[in-house]
Amino acid sequence: MITAMFGSPGPWELLLVFLVILLLFGARKLPDLAKSLGKSLGEFKKGREESDRPEVTGTSANSEQPAATEEKDRAPEE
């Protein structure tokens, strides 16, 4: 709705925003800022992919374990 009122930013607006960021952070901090932004986006994507996976419940793994212990408790038949 806001983009319908104002439209998308043009090249001059983007250049102005970049210059303001350059003035605020300085030329030395921009590579570090971009690097940390890239890392945080990577972590966000990784976390999002992990949350999209179906969760594995521990019931199927636990149901097999008691059966194995029962076999160990039995005396060998001769």
Protein backbone atom coordinates (compact mmCIF):
# COMPACT_ATOMS: atom_id res chain seq x y z
CA MET A 1 0.00 0.00 0.00
CA ILE A 2 2.86 2.37 0.78
CA THR A 3 4.63 1.49 -2.47
CA ALA A 4 1.44 2.34 -4.34
CA MET A 5 1.52 5.86 -2.88
CA PHE A 6 5.23 6.56 -3.23
CA GLY A 7 6.39 4.13 -5.92
CA SER A 8 9.67 2.27 -5.88
CA PRO A 9 12.85 4.23 -5.20
CA GLY A 10 14.71 5.40 -8.28
CA PRO A 11 18.46 5.45 -8.86
CA TRP A 12 18.90 8.92 -7.35
CA GLU A 13 17.09 7.95 -4.16
CA LEU A 14 19.18 4.81 -3.81
CA LEU A 15 22.36 6.82 -4.37
CA LEU A 16 21.27 9.29 -1.70
CA VAL A 17 20.58 6.48 0.78
CA PHE A 18 24.00 4.95 0.04
CA LEU A 19 25.72 8.30 0.58
CA VAL A 20 23.95 8.81 3.92
CA ILE A 21 25.02 5.33 5.04
CA LEU A 22 28.56 6.09 3.88
CA LEU A 23 28.59 9.29 5.92
CA LEU A 24 27.15 7.60 9.01
CA PHE A 25 29.41 4.55 9.09
CA GLY A 26 32.47 5.70 7.16
CA ALA A 27 34.33 3.96 4.36
CA ARG A 28 36.24 1.66 6.74
CA LYS A 29 33.13 0.23 8.37
CA LEU A 30 31.17 -0.52 5.18
CA PRO A 31 32.99 -3.80 4.28
CA ASP A 32 32.57 -5.02 7.86
CA LEU A 33 28.92 -4.02 7.80
CA ALA A 34 28.34 -5.86 4.51
CA LYS A 35 30.17 -8.93 5.81
CA SER A 36 28.11 -9.10 8.98
CA LEU A 37 24.91 -8.54 7.02
CA GLY A 38 25.82 -11.45 4.73
CA LYS A 39 26.55 -13.73 7.68
CA SER A 40 23.31 -12.84 9.40
CA LEU A 41 21.32 -13.48 6.22
CA GLY A 42 23.05 -16.85 5.86
CA GLU A 43 22.19 -17.77 9.45
CA PHE A 44 18.60 -16.66 8.89
CA LYS A 45 18.26 -18.84 5.80
CA LYS A 46 19.82 -21.81 7.59
CA GLY A 47 17.45 -21.43 10.54
CA ARG A 48 14.50 -21.07 8.21
CA GLU A 49 15.43 -24.26 6.34
CA GLU A 50 15.82 -26.14 9.64
CA SER A 51 12.42 -24.99 10.82
CA ASP A 52 10.81 -26.12 7.55
CA ARG A 53 12.03 -29.69 8.00
CA PRO A 54 9.59 -32.07 9.68
CA GLU A 55 10.58 -32.76 13.23
CA VAL A 56 11.62 -36.30 14.10
CA THR A 57 9.90 -37.60 17.20
CA GLY A 58 11.86 -39.76 19.58
CA THR A 59 9.12 -42.41 19.87
CA SER A 60 10.25 -44.53 16.93
CA ALA A 61 13.87 -44.58 18.11
CA ASN A 62 12.84 -45.29 21.71
CA SER A 63 10.48 -48.11 20.74
CA GLU A 64 13.34 -50.08 19.19
CA GLN A 65 15.63 -49.65 22.17
CA PRO A 66 13.52 -51.53 24.80
CA ALA A 67 13.16 -54.50 22.45
CA ALA A 68 16.92 -54.76 22.20
CA THR A 69 17.33 -54.63 25.99
CA GLU A 70 14.68 -57.31 26.45
CA GLU A 71 16.65 -59.63 24.20
CA LYS A 72 19.79 -58.99 26.21
CA ASP A 73 18.01 -59.76 29.49
CA ARG A 74 16.81 -63.16 28.31
CA ALA A 75 18.88 -66.20 29.06
CA PRO A 76 20.14 -67.97 25.97
CA GLU A 77 18.08 -71.05 25.11
CA GLU A 78 19.98 -74.27 24.83
